[in-house]
Amino acid sequence: SRPDPRRRSGSGNSRRRSQSLPIGRKSHKTSNFLYRYRHKVECFFSKIKYFRAIATRYEKRAENYLALVKLAAIRIWLRSYESVS
């Protein structure tokens, strides 16, 4: 009989998982250049989520939605050049 996959086994299962995790550095190398730009894109999407019409996909037509995304990107870009003083 096979064990039920929905049922959790005791602490022995988690012990086996923790032993199989790699220790130390990752085996694959990442490009700092690509990582930097990926981080910028992720930050942009986190900022754009504050615009309610974009986050909820208020516009049904793709052209109107793209226009909203562009307007939000412009507002974010202009906000980054505001004077602090």
N, C-alpha and C. Protein backbone atom coordinates (compact mmCIF):
# COMPACT_ATOMS: atom_id res chain seq x y z
N SER A 1 0.85 -1.19 0.00
CA SER A 1 0.00 0.00 0.00
C SER A 1 0.89 1.24 0.00
N ARG A 2 0.50 2.24 -0.79
CA ARG A 2 1.28 3.47 -0.90
C ARG A 2 0.87 4.45 0.19
N PRO A 3 1.80 5.25 0.69
CA PRO A 3 1.43 6.27 1.70
C PRO A 3 0.63 7.39 1.05
N ASP A 4 -0.27 7.95 1.84
CA ASP A 4 -1.13 9.03 1.38
C ASP A 4 -0.27 10.30 1.22
N PRO A 5 -0.19 10.92 0.02
CA PRO A 5 0.66 12.09 -0.17
C PRO A 5 0.17 13.33 0.56
N ARG A 6 -1.11 13.36 0.93
CA ARG A 6 -1.64 14.51 1.65
C ARG A 6 -1.26 14.48 3.12
N ARG A 7 -0.88 13.32 3.59
CA ARG A 7 -0.55 13.16 4.99
C ARG A 7 0.89 13.54 5.24
N ARG A 8 1.14 14.30 6.27
CA ARG A 8 2.50 14.69 6.62
C ARG A 8 3.13 13.64 7.50
N SER A 9 4.36 13.37 7.18
CA SER A 9 5.08 12.46 8.07
C SER A 9 5.76 13.28 9.14
N GLY A 10 6.38 12.65 10.06
CA GLY A 10 6.98 13.33 11.21
C GLY A 10 8.18 14.16 10.84
N SER A 11 9.05 14.43 11.79
CA SER A 11 10.20 15.30 11.57
C SER A 11 11.25 14.64 10.69
N GLY A 12 11.17 13.36 10.48
CA GLY A 12 12.16 12.68 9.65
C GLY A 12 12.15 13.18 8.22
N ASN A 13 10.99 13.54 7.70
CA ASN A 13 10.90 14.03 6.34
C ASN A 13 11.58 15.38 6.20
N SER A 14 11.39 16.30 7.15
CA SER A 14 12.01 17.61 7.06
C SER A 14 13.52 17.50 7.25
N ARG A 15 13.98 16.52 8.01
CA ARG A 15 15.40 16.34 8.22
C ARG A 15 16.06 15.93 6.91
N ARG A 16 15.40 15.07 6.15
CA ARG A 16 15.95 14.64 4.88
C ARG A 16 16.01 15.81 3.89
N ARG A 17 15.01 16.66 3.90
CA ARG A 17 15.01 17.81 3.00
C ARG A 17 16.13 18.77 3.33
N SER A 18 16.38 19.01 4.60
CA SER A 18 17.41 19.97 4.98
C SER A 18 18.80 19.43 4.66
N GLN A 19 18.99 18.14 4.66
CA GLN A 19 20.29 17.58 4.34
C GLN A 19 20.58 17.65 2.85
N SER A 20 19.54 17.70 2.02
CA SER A 20 19.75 17.72 0.58
C SER A 20 19.97 19.13 0.04
N LEU A 21 19.80 20.16 0.85
CA LEU A 21 20.00 21.52 0.39
C LEU A 21 21.49 21.78 0.18
N PRO A 22 21.84 22.54 -0.85
CA PRO A 22 23.26 22.82 -1.08
C PRO A 22 23.81 23.73 0.01
N ILE A 23 25.04 23.49 0.37
CA ILE A 23 25.70 24.28 1.40
C ILE A 23 26.73 25.16 0.71
N GLY A 24 26.78 26.43 1.10
CA GLY A 24 27.76 27.34 0.51
C GLY A 24 27.20 28.08 -0.67
N ARG A 25 28.07 28.35 -1.64
CA ARG A 25 27.67 29.12 -2.81
C ARG A 25 26.82 28.32 -3.77
N LYS A 26 26.08 29.03 -4.59
CA LYS A 26 25.26 28.39 -5.60
C LYS A 26 26.17 27.81 -6.69
N SER A 27 25.71 26.76 -7.30
CA SER A 27 26.53 26.12 -8.33
C SER A 27 26.52 26.90 -9.64
N HIS A 28 25.45 27.64 -9.93
CA HIS A 28 25.41 28.40 -11.18
C HIS A 28 25.85 29.83 -10.92
N LYS A 29 26.51 30.40 -11.91
CA LYS A 29 26.99 31.78 -11.76
C LYS A 29 25.97 32.73 -12.36
N THR A 30 25.77 33.86 -11.71
CA THR A 30 24.84 34.86 -12.21
C THR A 30 25.63 36.08 -12.64
N SER A 31 25.15 36.73 -13.66
CA SER A 31 25.77 37.94 -14.15
C SER A 31 25.32 39.11 -13.29
N ASN A 32 26.27 39.87 -12.77
CA ASN A 32 25.91 41.04 -11.97
C ASN A 32 25.15 42.06 -12.81
N PHE A 33 25.52 42.17 -14.08
CA PHE A 33 24.85 43.09 -14.99
C PHE A 33 23.37 42.72 -15.13
N LEU A 34 23.08 41.44 -15.39
CA LEU A 34 21.70 41.01 -15.55
C LEU A 34 20.94 41.10 -14.23
N TYR A 35 21.59 40.78 -13.13
CA TYR A 35 20.94 40.84 -11.82
C TYR A 35 20.53 42.27 -11.50
N ARG A 36 21.40 43.22 -11.83
CA ARG A 36 21.11 44.63 -11.54
C ARG A 36 19.88 45.09 -12.30
N TYR A 37 19.77 44.74 -13.59
CA TYR A 37 18.62 45.17 -14.37
C TYR A 37 17.36 44.40 -14.00
N ARG A 38 17.51 43.16 -13.62
CA ARG A 38 16.35 42.39 -13.16
C ARG A 38 15.78 43.03 -11.90
N HIS A 39 16.67 43.49 -11.01
CA HIS A 39 16.24 44.15 -9.78
C HIS A 39 15.48 45.44 -10.10
N LYS A 40 15.96 46.19 -11.09
CA LYS A 40 15.28 47.43 -11.48
C LYS A 40 13.88 47.15 -12.01
N VAL A 41 13.75 46.10 -12.80
CA VAL A 41 12.44 45.74 -13.35
C VAL A 41 11.50 45.32 -12.22
N GLU A 42 12.00 44.54 -11.27
CA GLU A 42 11.16 44.12 -10.14
C GLU A 42 10.73 45.31 -9.31
N CYS A 43 11.62 46.28 -9.11
CA CYS A 43 11.25 47.49 -8.36
C CYS A 43 10.20 48.30 -9.11
N PHE A 44 10.33 48.36 -10.44
CA PHE A 44 9.33 49.08 -11.23
C PHE A 44 7.96 48.45 -11.08
N PHE A 45 7.89 47.11 -11.16
CA PHE A 45 6.59 46.45 -11.03
C PHE A 45 6.03 46.62 -9.62
N SER A 46 6.88 46.68 -8.62
CA SER A 46 6.37 46.89 -7.27
C SER A 46 5.81 48.31 -7.13
N LYS A 47 6.42 49.29 -7.81
CA LYS A 47 5.90 50.67 -7.76
C LYS A 47 4.62 50.81 -8.57
N ILE A 48 4.55 50.12 -9.68
CA ILE A 48 3.39 50.27 -10.56
C ILE A 48 2.14 49.64 -9.94
N LYS A 49 2.31 48.73 -9.00
CA LYS A 49 1.17 48.09 -8.35
C LYS A 49 0.36 49.08 -7.50
N TYR A 50 0.97 50.23 -7.18
CA TYR A 50 0.25 51.22 -6.37
C TYR A 50 -0.80 51.97 -7.19
N PHE A 51 -0.73 51.87 -8.50
CA PHE A 51 -1.73 52.49 -9.35
C PHE A 51 -2.90 51.53 -9.47
N ARG A 52 -4.00 51.91 -8.88
CA ARG A 52 -5.13 50.99 -8.73
C ARG A 52 -5.69 50.49 -10.06
N ALA A 53 -5.80 51.36 -11.04
CA ALA A 53 -6.37 50.97 -12.33
C ALA A 53 -5.49 49.94 -13.04
N ILE A 54 -4.22 49.99 -12.78
CA ILE A 54 -3.31 49.02 -13.41
C ILE A 54 -3.33 47.71 -12.64
N ALA A 55 -3.31 47.80 -11.33
CA ALA A 55 -3.27 46.58 -10.52
C ALA A 55 -4.54 45.75 -10.69
N THR A 56 -5.67 46.42 -10.90
CA THR A 56 -6.94 45.69 -11.02
C THR A 56 -7.34 45.46 -12.47
N ARG A 57 -6.50 45.89 -13.39
CA ARG A 57 -6.78 45.77 -14.84
C ARG A 57 -8.15 46.38 -15.14
N TYR A 58 -8.28 47.65 -14.76
CA TYR A 58 -9.55 48.36 -14.90
C TYR A 58 -9.97 48.49 -16.36
N GLU A 59 -9.03 48.79 -17.24
CA GLU A 59 -9.32 48.93 -18.67
C GLU A 59 -9.40 47.56 -19.32
N LYS A 60 -10.38 47.37 -20.17
CA LYS A 60 -10.54 46.07 -20.82
C LYS A 60 -9.77 45.98 -22.13
N ARG A 61 -9.67 47.07 -22.85
CA ARG A 61 -8.95 47.05 -24.13
C ARG A 61 -7.45 47.16 -23.88
N ALA A 62 -6.69 46.39 -24.62
CA ALA A 62 -5.23 46.34 -24.44
C ALA A 62 -4.57 47.69 -24.70
N GLU A 63 -5.09 48.44 -25.69
CA GLU A 63 -4.50 49.74 -26.02
C GLU A 63 -4.65 50.72 -24.85
N ASN A 64 -5.82 50.72 -24.25
CA ASN A 64 -6.07 51.62 -23.12
C ASN A 64 -5.24 51.21 -21.90
N TYR A 65 -5.12 49.91 -21.70
CA TYR A 65 -4.33 49.42 -20.56
C TYR A 65 -2.86 49.79 -20.74
N LEU A 66 -2.35 49.63 -21.96
CA LEU A 66 -0.96 49.99 -22.23
C LEU A 66 -0.74 51.49 -22.03
N ALA A 67 -1.73 52.29 -22.41
CA ALA A 67 -1.63 53.74 -22.20
C ALA A 67 -1.56 54.05 -20.71
N LEU A 68 -2.35 53.36 -19.90
CA LEU A 68 -2.29 53.56 -18.45
C LEU A 68 -0.92 53.18 -17.89
N VAL A 69 -0.38 52.07 -18.37
CA VAL A 69 0.95 51.64 -17.91
C VAL A 69 1.99 52.68 -18.27
N LYS A 70 1.90 53.22 -19.49
CA LYS A 70 2.85 54.25 -19.92
C LYS A 70 2.72 55.51 -19.07
N LEU A 71 1.49 55.92 -18.79
CA LEU A 71 1.29 57.11 -17.94
C LEU A 71 1.84 56.89 -16.53
N ALA A 72 1.62 55.71 -16.00
CA ALA A 72 2.15 55.41 -14.66
C ALA A 72 3.68 55.40 -14.68
N ALA A 73 4.27 54.85 -15.75
CA ALA A 73 5.73 54.83 -15.85
C ALA A 73 6.29 56.25 -15.93
N ILE A 74 5.59 57.12 -16.65
CA ILE A 74 6.03 58.53 -16.74
C ILE A 74 5.95 59.20 -15.38
N ARG A 75 4.87 58.94 -14.66
CA ARG A 75 4.74 59.54 -13.31
C ARG A 75 5.82 59.05 -12.38
N ILE A 76 6.13 57.76 -12.44
CA ILE A 76 7.21 57.21 -11.60
C ILE A 76 8.55 57.84 -11.99
N TRP A 77 8.79 57.96 -13.30
CA TRP A 77 10.04 58.54 -13.78
C TRP A 77 10.17 60.00 -13.35
N LEU A 78 9.09 60.79 -13.49
CA LEU A 78 9.14 62.20 -13.09
C LEU A 78 9.31 62.33 -11.58
N ARG A 79 8.69 61.44 -10.82
CA ARG A 79 8.82 61.48 -9.36
C ARG A 79 10.27 61.25 -8.93
N SER A 80 11.01 60.45 -9.70
CA SER A 80 12.40 60.16 -9.33
C SER A 80 13.30 61.37 -9.54
N TYR A 81 12.86 62.33 -10.38
CA TYR A 81 13.66 63.54 -10.63
C TYR A 81 13.18 64.74 -9.84
N GLU A 82 12.25 64.56 -8.93
CA GLU A 82 11.78 65.67 -8.11
C GLU A 82 12.88 66.19 -7.20
N SER A 83 12.80 67.44 -6.90
CA SER A 83 13.76 68.05 -5.98
C SER A 83 13.42 67.62 -4.56
N VAL A 84 14.44 67.27 -3.81
CA VAL A 84 14.24 66.82 -2.43
C VAL A 84 14.10 68.00 -1.49
N SER A 85 14.74 69.11 -1.79
CA SER A 85 14.73 70.26 -0.88
C SER A 85 13.52 71.11 -0.96
